[in-house]
Amino acid sequence: MWDFITERREQIAYNTFQHANLVIQAVVVATVIAVVLAVVITRLPRLEGLANALSAIGLTIPSFALVGLLLPLTGIGAITAFVAVTFYAVLPILRNAVVGLQGVDKTLLESSRGMGMSELTSLWRVRLPLAWPVILAGVRVSMQMSMGVAAIAAYVLGPGLGGYIFTGLAQVGGANAVNYAVVGTVGVVIVALIADLLLLLLGRLTISKGIRA
């Protein structure tokens, strides 16, 4: 195993970077989409039931099925992987963002309006900061889930560590089959753990002590 890793260390490092880069970009885009949708939903409460239903349905779609549906539209490669990861990443963040925005104390919103804040200013300076801890929890869940989806997206030649897993499965019985599978799987787990620690650090830096308390 060690010899296998040593011989391919540069390739493994490159694929690890590609995997992390794909997931981070997808989650960032998904966070923006989810927060915007959550703001719209909280303004139009009748959409909440529909959004919850669509989120539940979306989470039941198998990753392989979604990738297959995207192939005629986006083709083989990184674009299909990015769209698939982003789609799954939006769902848990959207749920948390709606809950977080709805959970903001109404008296605080009234106070902000009494201070002369516009709706946009109140959203940016009051509602989003107070809802951010709940949103960030959704981002953490989304990040972990996206790591696995990104690995599956390697089935359509998406970038990342999933290629090692599929190569190992394709070489069952071969000398390096287990090595490929282990490197891909362990690599995804390590990247996921590092990403979660970085999000915890982000929470410490962006959530005020008063809110954390």
C-alpha atoms as a PDB file:
ATOM      1  CA  MET A   1       0.000   0.000   0.000  1.00  0.00           C
ATOM      2  CA  TRP A   2       2.737   2.462   0.970  1.00  0.00           C
ATOM      3  CA  ASP A   3       4.664   1.755  -2.233  1.00  0.00           C
ATOM      4  CA  PHE A   4       1.442   2.272  -4.211  1.00  0.00           C
ATOM      5  CA  ILE A   5       0.889   5.669  -2.577  1.00  0.00           C
ATOM      6  CA  THR A   6       4.537   6.704  -2.948  1.00  0.00           C
ATOM      7  CA  GLU A   7       4.632   5.903  -6.644  1.00  0.00           C
ATOM      8  CA  ARG A   8       1.461   7.904  -7.299  1.00  0.00           C
ATOM      9  CA  ARG A   9       1.777  10.626  -4.660  1.00  0.00           C
ATOM     10  CA  GLU A  10       1.692  13.535  -7.121  1.00  0.00           C
ATOM     11  CA  GLN A  11      -1.346  12.160  -8.917  1.00  0.00           C
ATOM     12  CA  ILE A  12      -3.100  11.441  -5.620  1.00  0.00           C
ATOM     13  CA  ALA A  13      -2.341  14.959  -4.356  1.00  0.00           C
ATOM     14  CA  TYR A  14      -3.678  16.460  -7.595  1.00  0.00           C
ATOM     15  CA  ASN A  15      -6.885  14.400  -7.507  1.00  0.00           C
ATOM     16  CA  THR A  16      -7.374  15.251  -3.826  1.00  0.00           C
ATOM     17  CA  PHE A  17      -7.116  18.947  -4.658  1.00  0.00           C
ATOM     18  CA  GLN A  18      -9.543  18.499  -7.555  1.00  0.00           C
ATOM     19  CA  HIS A  19     -12.027  16.712  -5.312  1.00  0.00           C
ATOM     20  CA  ALA A  20     -11.889  19.390  -2.627  1.00  0.00           C
ATOM     21  CA  ASN A  21     -12.055  22.179  -5.206  1.00  0.00           C
ATOM     22  CA  LEU A  22     -15.146  20.697  -6.878  1.00  0.00           C
ATOM     23  CA  VAL A  23     -17.010  20.281  -3.590  1.00  0.00           C
ATOM     24  CA  ILE A  24     -16.059  23.689  -2.176  1.00  0.00           C
ATOM     25  CA  GLN A  25     -17.115  25.515  -5.342  1.00  0.00           C
ATOM     26  CA  ALA A  26     -20.390  23.587  -5.501  1.00  0.00           C
ATOM     27  CA  VAL A  27     -21.208  24.210  -1.829  1.00  0.00           C
ATOM     28  CA  VAL A  28     -20.440  27.935  -2.114  1.00  0.00           C
ATOM     29  CA  VAL A  29     -22.755  28.247  -5.122  1.00  0.00           C
ATOM     30  CA  ALA A  30     -25.365  26.084  -3.387  1.00  0.00           C
ATOM     31  CA  THR A  31     -25.219  28.281  -0.272  1.00  0.00           C
ATOM     32  CA  VAL A  32     -25.918  31.424  -2.283  1.00  0.00           C
ATOM     33  CA  ILE A  33     -28.793  29.740  -4.144  1.00  0.00           C
ATOM     34  CA  ALA A  34     -30.265  28.262  -0.967  1.00  0.00           C
ATOM     35  CA  VAL A  35     -30.134  31.510   1.019  1.00  0.00           C
ATOM     36  CA  VAL A  36     -31.758  33.482  -1.801  1.00  0.00           C
ATOM     37  CA  LEU A  37     -34.508  30.869  -2.111  1.00  0.00           C
ATOM     38  CA  ALA A  38     -34.965  30.840   1.679  1.00  0.00           C
ATOM     39  CA  VAL A  39     -35.417  34.619   1.739  1.00  0.00           C
ATOM     40  CA  VAL A  40     -38.065  34.341  -0.978  1.00  0.00           C
ATOM     41  CA  ILE A  41     -39.823  31.500   0.856  1.00  0.00           C
ATOM     42  CA  THR A  42     -39.935  33.414   4.144  1.00  0.00           C
ATOM     43  CA  ARG A  43     -41.463  36.343   2.268  1.00  0.00           C
ATOM     44  CA  LEU A  44     -44.021  34.034   0.625  1.00  0.00           C
ATOM     45  CA  PRO A  45     -44.906  31.434   3.295  1.00  0.00           C
ATOM     46  CA  ARG A  46     -47.211  29.557   0.906  1.00  0.00           C
ATOM     47  CA  LEU A  47     -44.099  28.348  -0.914  1.00  0.00           C
ATOM     48  CA  GLU A  48     -42.672  26.644   2.179  1.00  0.00           C
ATOM     49  CA  GLY A  49     -44.708  23.450   1.804  1.00  0.00           C
ATOM     50  CA  LEU A  50     -43.778  23.178  -1.867  1.00  0.00           C
ATOM     51  CA  ALA A  51     -40.095  23.794  -1.087  1.00  0.00           C
ATOM     52  CA  ASN A  52     -40.075  21.119   1.628  1.00  0.00           C
ATOM     53  CA  ALA A  53     -41.771  18.636  -0.695  1.00  0.00           C
ATOM     54  CA  LEU A  54     -39.300  19.309  -3.506  1.00  0.00           C
ATOM     55  CA  SER A  55     -36.368  19.017  -1.083  1.00  0.00           C
ATOM     56  CA  ALA A  56     -37.639  15.648   0.166  1.00  0.00           C
ATOM     57  CA  ILE A  57     -38.121  14.401  -3.383  1.00  0.00           C
ATOM     58  CA  GLY A  58     -34.710  15.679  -4.426  1.00  0.00           C
ATOM     59  CA  LEU A  59     -32.967  13.796  -1.630  1.00  0.00           C
ATOM     60  CA  THR A  60     -34.606  10.526  -2.721  1.00  0.00           C
ATOM     61  CA  ILE A  61     -33.172  10.728  -6.255  1.00  0.00           C
ATOM     62  CA  PRO A  62     -30.182   8.326  -6.448  1.00  0.00           C
ATOM     63  CA  SER A  63     -26.914   9.992  -7.381  1.00  0.00           C
ATOM     64  CA  PHE A  64     -26.368   7.661 -10.318  1.00  0.00           C
ATOM     65  CA  ALA A  65     -29.858   8.457 -11.640  1.00  0.00           C
ATOM     66  CA  LEU A  66     -29.274  12.207 -11.452  1.00  0.00           C
ATOM     67  CA  VAL A  67     -25.920  11.898 -13.198  1.00  0.00           C
ATOM     68  CA  GLY A  68     -27.586   9.837 -15.915  1.00  0.00           C
ATOM     69  CA  LEU A  69     -30.322  12.437 -16.370  1.00  0.00           C
ATOM     70  CA  LEU A  70     -27.733  15.192 -16.698  1.00  0.00           C
ATOM     71  CA  LEU A  71     -25.608  13.438 -19.325  1.00  0.00           C
ATOM     72  CA  PRO A  72     -27.742  14.430 -22.347  1.00  0.00           C
ATOM     73  CA  LEU A  73     -27.709  18.060 -21.167  1.00  0.00           C
ATOM     74  CA  THR A  74     -24.183  18.622 -19.865  1.00  0.00           C
ATOM     75  CA  GLY A  75     -22.218  15.697 -21.278  1.00  0.00           C
ATOM     76  CA  ILE A  76     -19.371  13.779 -19.698  1.00  0.00           C
ATOM     77  CA  GLY A  77     -16.927  15.576 -17.436  1.00  0.00           C
ATOM     78  CA  ALA A  78     -16.581  18.254 -14.790  1.00  0.00           C
ATOM     79  CA  ILE A  79     -19.743  20.226 -15.642  1.00  0.00           C
ATOM     80  CA  THR A  80     -22.018  17.256 -14.977  1.00  0.00           C
ATOM     81  CA  ALA A  81     -20.188  16.560 -11.719  1.00  0.00           C
ATOM     82  CA  PHE A  82     -20.494  20.198 -10.625  1.00  0.00           C
ATOM     83  CA  VAL A  83     -24.217  20.410 -11.406  1.00  0.00           C
ATOM     84  CA  ALA A  84     -24.943  17.119  -9.615  1.00  0.00           C
ATOM     85  CA  VAL A  85     -22.987  18.094  -6.500  1.00  0.00           C
ATOM     86  CA  THR A  86     -24.552  21.559  -6.427  1.00  0.00           C
ATOM     87  CA  PHE A  87     -28.063  20.098  -6.738  1.00  0.00           C
ATOM     88  CA  TYR A  88     -27.618  17.862  -3.708  1.00  0.00           C
ATOM     89  CA  ALA A  89     -25.757  20.562  -1.775  1.00  0.00           C
ATOM     90  CA  VAL A  90     -28.654  23.036  -2.054  1.00  0.00           C
ATOM     91  CA  LEU A  91     -31.224  20.823  -0.322  1.00  0.00           C
ATOM     92  CA  PRO A  92     -29.979  20.650   3.314  1.00  0.00           C
ATOM     93  CA  ILE A  93     -28.808  24.268   3.250  1.00  0.00           C
ATOM     94  CA  LEU A  94     -32.212  25.437   2.000  1.00  0.00           C
ATOM     95  CA  ARG A  95     -34.046  23.654   4.806  1.00  0.00           C
ATOM     96  CA  ASN A  96     -31.758  25.086   7.465  1.00  0.00           C
ATOM     97  CA  ALA A  97     -31.839  28.560   5.949  1.00  0.00           C
ATOM     98  CA  VAL A  98     -35.641  28.626   6.027  1.00  0.00           C
ATOM     99  CA  VAL A  99     -35.687  27.421   9.647  1.00  0.00           C
ATOM    100  CA  GLY A 100     -32.991  29.900  10.643  1.00  0.00           C
ATOM    101  CA  LEU A 101     -34.670  32.910   9.036  1.00  0.00           C
ATOM    102  CA  GLN A 102     -38.065  31.961  10.440  1.00  0.00           C
ATOM    103  CA  GLY A 103     -36.569  31.580  13.903  1.00  0.00           C
ATOM    104  CA  VAL A 104     -35.373  35.167  14.168  1.00  0.00           C
ATOM    105  CA  ASP A 105     -37.192  36.956  16.996  1.00  0.00           C
ATOM    106  CA  LYS A 106     -39.933  39.169  15.570  1.00  0.00           C
ATOM    107  CA  THR A 107     -39.260  41.847  18.181  1.00  0.00           C
ATOM    108  CA  LEU A 108     -35.716  42.237  16.870  1.00  0.00           C
ATOM    109  CA  LEU A 109     -37.049  42.767  13.360  1.00  0.00           C
ATOM    110  CA  GLU A 110     -39.517  45.352  14.627  1.00  0.00           C
ATOM    111  CA  SER A 111     -36.704  47.086  16.502  1.00  0.00           C
ATOM    112  CA  SER A 112     -34.588  47.212  13.357  1.00  0.00           C
ATOM    113  CA  ARG A 113     -37.445  48.781  11.423  1.00  0.00           C
ATOM    114  CA  GLY A 114     -37.977  51.218  14.300  1.00  0.00           C
ATOM    115  CA  MET A 115     -34.336  52.262  13.918  1.00  0.00           C
ATOM    116  CA  GLY A 116     -35.035  53.159  10.299  1.00  0.00           C
ATOM    117  CA  MET A 117     -33.464  50.130   8.632  1.00  0.00           C
ATOM    118  CA  SER A 118     -34.787  49.173   5.221  1.00  0.00           C
ATOM    119  CA  GLU A 119     -35.876  45.582   4.544  1.00  0.00           C
ATOM    120  CA  LEU A 120     -32.592  44.871   2.761  1.00  0.00           C
ATOM    121  CA  THR A 121     -30.487  46.391   5.537  1.00  0.00           C
ATOM    122  CA  SER A 122     -32.454  44.494   8.180  1.00  0.00           C
ATOM    123  CA  LEU A 123     -31.944  41.267   6.242  1.00  0.00           C
ATOM    124  CA  TRP A 124     -28.205  41.825   5.894  1.00  0.00           C
ATOM    125  CA  ARG A 125     -27.464  43.170   9.388  1.00  0.00           C
ATOM    126  CA  VAL A 126     -30.051  41.394  11.555  1.00  0.00           C
ATOM    127  CA  ARG A 127     -31.791  38.391  10.033  1.00  0.00           C
ATOM    128  CA  LEU A 128     -28.881  36.706   8.247  1.00  0.00           C
ATOM    129  CA  PRO A 129     -26.369  37.105  11.128  1.00  0.00           C
ATOM    130  CA  LEU A 130     -28.899  35.640  13.592  1.00  0.00           C
ATOM    131  CA  ALA A 131     -29.814  32.809  11.214  1.00  0.00           C
ATOM    132  CA  TRP A 132     -26.201  32.119  10.217  1.00  0.00           C
ATOM    133  CA  PRO A 133     -25.480  29.455  12.903  1.00  0.00           C
ATOM    134  CA  VAL A 134     -28.422  27.369  11.643  1.00  0.00           C
ATOM    135  CA  ILE A 135     -27.456  27.987   8.007  1.00  0.00           C
ATOM    136  CA  LEU A 136     -23.864  26.991   8.732  1.00  0.00           C
ATOM    137  CA  ALA A 137     -25.063  23.730  10.296  1.00  0.00           C
ATOM    138  CA  GLY A 138     -26.798  23.004   6.998  1.00  0.00           C
ATOM    139  CA  VAL A 139     -23.625  23.881   5.113  1.00  0.00           C
ATOM    140  CA  ARG A 140     -21.693  21.342   7.202  1.00  0.00           C
ATOM    141  CA  VAL A 141     -24.206  18.606   6.432  1.00  0.00           C
ATOM    142  CA  SER A 142     -24.163  19.612   2.778  1.00  0.00           C
ATOM    143  CA  MET A 143     -20.365  19.529   2.649  1.00  0.00           C
ATOM    144  CA  GLN A 144     -20.197  15.982   4.024  1.00  0.00           C
ATOM    145  CA  MET A 145     -22.900  14.728   1.669  1.00  0.00           C
ATOM    146  CA  SER A 146     -21.293  16.446  -1.307  1.00  0.00           C
ATOM    147  CA  MET A 147     -17.999  14.647  -0.722  1.00  0.00           C
ATOM    148  CA  GLY A 148     -19.711  11.332  -1.448  1.00  0.00           C
ATOM    149  CA  VAL A 149     -21.694  12.673  -4.396  1.00  0.00           C
ATOM    150  CA  ALA A 150     -18.494  14.055  -5.930  1.00  0.00           C
ATOM    151  CA  ALA A 151     -16.924  10.605  -5.666  1.00  0.00           C
ATOM    152  CA  ILE A 152     -19.891   9.062  -7.497  1.00  0.00           C
ATOM    153  CA  ALA A 153     -19.678  11.775 -10.172  1.00  0.00           C
ATOM    154  CA  ALA A 154     -16.341  10.249 -11.203  1.00  0.00           C
ATOM    155  CA  TYR A 155     -18.502   7.675 -13.006  1.00  0.00           C
ATOM    156  CA  VAL A 156     -18.913  10.307 -15.753  1.00  0.00           C
ATOM    157  CA  LEU A 157     -15.244  11.304 -15.584  1.00  0.00           C
ATOM    158  CA  GLY A 158     -15.768  14.044 -13.047  1.00  0.00           C
ATOM    159  CA  PRO A 159     -12.629  15.241 -11.251  1.00  0.00           C
ATOM    160  CA  GLY A 160     -11.606  13.975  -7.853  1.00  0.00           C
ATOM    161  CA  LEU A 161     -10.868  10.856  -5.866  1.00  0.00           C
ATOM    162  CA  GLY A 162     -13.860   8.853  -7.052  1.00  0.00           C
ATOM    163  CA  GLY A 163     -11.872   7.668 -10.055  1.00  0.00           C
ATOM    164  CA  TYR A 164      -9.707   5.568  -7.750  1.00  0.00           C
ATOM    165  CA  ILE A 165     -12.771   3.886  -6.273  1.00  0.00           C
ATOM    166  CA  PHE A 166     -14.222   3.000  -9.666  1.00  0.00           C
ATOM    167  CA  THR A 167     -10.827   1.849 -10.917  1.00  0.00           C
ATOM    168  CA  GLY A 168     -10.540  -0.466  -7.914  1.00  0.00           C
ATOM    169  CA  LEU A 169     -14.028  -1.863  -8.524  1.00  0.00           C
ATOM    170  CA  ALA A 170     -13.218  -2.413 -12.189  1.00  0.00           C
ATOM    171  CA  GLN A 171     -10.054  -4.335 -11.295  1.00  0.00           C
ATOM    172  CA  VAL A 172     -11.589  -6.732  -8.759  1.00  0.00           C
ATOM    173  CA  GLY A 173      -9.122  -9.565  -8.375  1.00  0.00           C
ATOM    174  CA  GLY A 174      -6.238  -7.480  -9.664  1.00  0.00           C
ATOM    175  CA  ALA A 175      -3.104  -6.786  -7.666  1.00  0.00           C
ATOM    176  CA  ASN A 176      -3.909  -3.115  -7.089  1.00  0.00           C
ATOM    177  CA  ALA A 177      -7.706  -3.291  -6.849  1.00  0.00           C
ATOM    178  CA  VAL A 178      -7.792  -2.888  -3.070  1.00  0.00           C
ATOM    179  CA  ASN A 179      -5.120  -0.185  -3.158  1.00  0.00           C
ATOM    180  CA  TYR A 180      -7.130   1.939  -5.574  1.00  0.00           C
ATOM    181  CA  ALA A 181     -10.340   1.504  -3.591  1.00  0.00           C
ATOM    182  CA  VAL A 182      -8.701   2.242  -0.234  1.00  0.00           C
ATOM    183  CA  VAL A 183      -6.838   5.318  -1.474  1.00  0.00           C
ATOM    184  CA  GLY A 184     -10.036   6.737  -2.991  1.00  0.00           C
ATOM    185  CA  THR A 185     -12.218   5.979   0.027  1.00  0.00           C
ATOM    186  CA  VAL A 186      -9.778   7.078   2.715  1.00  0.00           C
ATOM    187  CA  GLY A 187      -8.897  10.160   0.696  1.00  0.00           C
ATOM    188  CA  VAL A 188     -12.546  11.243   0.555  1.00  0.00           C
ATOM    189  CA  VAL A 189     -12.924  10.674   4.309  1.00  0.00           C
ATOM    190  CA  ILE A 190      -9.815  12.715   5.118  1.00  0.00           C
ATOM    191  CA  VAL A 191     -10.884  15.599   2.869  1.00  0.00           C
ATOM    192  CA  ALA A 192     -14.360  15.534   4.459  1.00  0.00           C
ATOM    193  CA  LEU A 193     -12.917  15.679   7.983  1.00  0.00           C
ATOM    194  CA  ILE A 194     -10.598  18.566   7.108  1.00  0.00           C
ATOM    195  CA  ALA A 195     -13.475  20.449   5.459  1.00  0.00           C
ATOM    196  CA  ASP A 196     -15.652  19.978   8.539  1.00  0.00           C
ATOM    197  CA  LEU A 197     -12.897  21.296  10.816  1.00  0.00           C
ATOM    198  CA  LEU A 198     -12.487  24.343   8.579  1.00  0.00           C
ATOM    199  CA  LEU A 199     -16.227  24.999   8.733  1.00  0.00           C
ATOM    200  CA  LEU A 200     -16.085  24.763  12.525  1.00  0.00           C
ATOM    201  CA  LEU A 201     -13.302  27.348  12.450  1.00  0.00           C
ATOM    202  CA  LEU A 202     -15.383  29.505  10.102  1.00  0.00           C
ATOM    203  CA  GLY A 203     -18.206  29.333  12.624  1.00  0.00           C
ATOM    204  CA  ARG A 204     -15.904  30.496  15.405  1.00  0.00           C
ATOM    205  CA  LEU A 205     -14.775  33.428  13.266  1.00  0.00           C
ATOM    206  CA  THR A 206     -18.156  34.496  11.883  1.00  0.00           C
ATOM    207  CA  ILE A 207     -20.595  33.811  14.743  1.00  0.00           C
ATOM    208  CA  SER A 208     -20.449  36.361  17.539  1.00  0.00           C
ATOM    209  CA  LYS A 209     -19.862  35.152  21.087  1.00  0.00           C
ATOM    210  CA  GLY A 210     -23.292  36.405  22.144  1.00  0.00           C
ATOM    211  CA  ILE A 211     -25.056  34.280  19.546  1.00  0.00           C
ATOM    212  CA  ARG A 212     -22.891  31.233  20.297  1.00  0.00           C
ATOM    213  CA  ALA A 213     -23.759  31.564  23.981  1.00  0.00           C
END
